[in-house]
Amino acid sequence: MATLTIEVPDELVREYGLKALAEKIQHDLELERMHRLALKLDAAVKEAGLDHDQLFKEAKHRAWKKYKATVLKDILPDS
């Protein structure tokens, strides 16, 4: 990881504080990293010839079944 030194207008430092500005920049950079990872994942899924929508439906169905079996097991009737 690298350290970045940037100039920040005094007005922003007074209004938000250095800590809040640093946290915002860190957060924005993490969002950018996650966005790039999502693009790579999307490209890999397409390259593998998989259907994004079908994968999502299957994952959603498995997650719902797991949730019902663990969290709602005593609430919902067996189906």
Protein backbone atom coordinates (compact mmCIF):
# COMPACT_ATOMS: atom_id res chain seq x y z
CA MET A 1 0.00 0.00 0.00
CA ALA A 2 1.19 3.51 -0.77
CA THR A 3 0.81 6.75 1.12
CA LEU A 4 -0.60 9.71 -0.77
CA THR A 5 0.06 13.32 0.18
CA ILE A 6 -2.43 15.85 -1.20
CA GLU A 7 -3.26 19.50 -0.71
CA VAL A 8 -6.67 20.16 0.81
CA PRO A 9 -8.28 23.59 0.88
CA ASP A 10 -8.24 25.12 4.37
CA GLU A 11 -12.00 25.74 4.11
CA LEU A 12 -12.66 21.99 3.86
CA VAL A 13 -10.31 21.22 6.73
CA ARG A 14 -12.08 23.77 8.92
CA GLU A 15 -15.52 22.55 7.93
CA TYR A 16 -14.98 18.79 8.18
CA GLY A 17 -11.70 18.24 10.00
CA LEU A 18 -8.70 16.24 8.84
CA LYS A 19 -9.90 12.95 10.31
CA ALA A 20 -13.30 13.11 8.59
CA LEU A 21 -11.72 14.07 5.26
CA ALA A 22 -9.20 11.23 5.51
CA GLU A 23 -11.99 8.76 6.32
CA LYS A 24 -14.07 9.99 3.37
CA ILE A 25 -11.17 9.65 0.96
CA GLN A 26 -10.37 6.20 2.34
CA HIS A 27 -14.03 5.19 1.94
CA ASP A 28 -14.18 6.51 -1.63
CA LEU A 29 -11.01 4.63 -2.55
CA GLU A 30 -12.42 1.41 -1.08
CA LEU A 31 -15.60 1.87 -3.13
CA GLU A 32 -13.47 2.34 -6.25
CA ARG A 33 -11.52 -0.84 -5.44
CA MET A 34 -14.75 -2.79 -4.98
CA HIS A 35 -16.15 -1.39 -8.24
CA ARG A 36 -13.07 -2.56 -10.12
CA LEU A 37 -13.34 -6.01 -8.53
CA ALA A 38 -17.00 -6.19 -9.56
CA LEU A 39 -16.08 -5.34 -13.15
CA LYS A 40 -13.43 -8.08 -13.17
CA LEU A 41 -15.90 -10.57 -11.71
CA ASP A 42 -18.51 -9.63 -14.29
CA ALA A 43 -15.99 -10.10 -17.10
CA ALA A 44 -14.95 -13.50 -15.72
CA VAL A 45 -18.58 -14.65 -15.48
CA LYS A 46 -19.24 -13.60 -19.08
CA GLU A 47 -15.98 -15.15 -20.28
CA ALA A 48 -16.96 -18.44 -18.64
CA GLY A 49 -20.24 -18.35 -20.56
CA LEU A 50 -22.35 -18.21 -17.41
CA ASP A 51 -25.68 -16.43 -17.07
CA HIS A 52 -25.47 -13.68 -14.45
CA ASP A 53 -29.23 -13.66 -13.84
CA GLN A 54 -29.41 -17.43 -13.40
CA LEU A 55 -26.47 -17.41 -10.98
CA PHE A 56 -28.20 -14.68 -8.95
CA LYS A 57 -31.50 -16.57 -8.87
CA GLU A 58 -29.79 -19.76 -7.71
CA ALA A 59 -27.80 -17.96 -5.01
CA LYS A 60 -30.94 -16.14 -3.81
CA HIS A 61 -32.87 -19.41 -3.67
CA ARG A 62 -30.10 -21.18 -1.70
CA ALA A 63 -29.81 -18.25 0.71
CA TRP A 64 -33.58 -18.22 1.30
CA LYS A 65 -33.63 -21.97 1.95
CA LYS A 66 -30.77 -21.62 4.43
CA TYR A 67 -32.45 -18.67 6.16
CA LYS A 68 -35.74 -20.56 6.47
CA ALA A 69 -33.96 -23.64 7.82
CA THR A 70 -32.01 -21.72 10.45
CA VAL A 71 -33.84 -18.54 11.42
CA LEU A 72 -37.44 -19.34 10.57
CA LYS A 73 -37.43 -23.07 11.35
CA ASP A 74 -39.78 -22.72 14.33
CA ILE A 75 -41.99 -20.07 12.73
CA LEU A 76 -42.82 -21.30 9.22
CA PRO A 77 -44.61 -24.57 8.61
CA ASP A 78 -42.70 -27.23 6.73
CA SER A 79 -43.23 -26.92 3.02
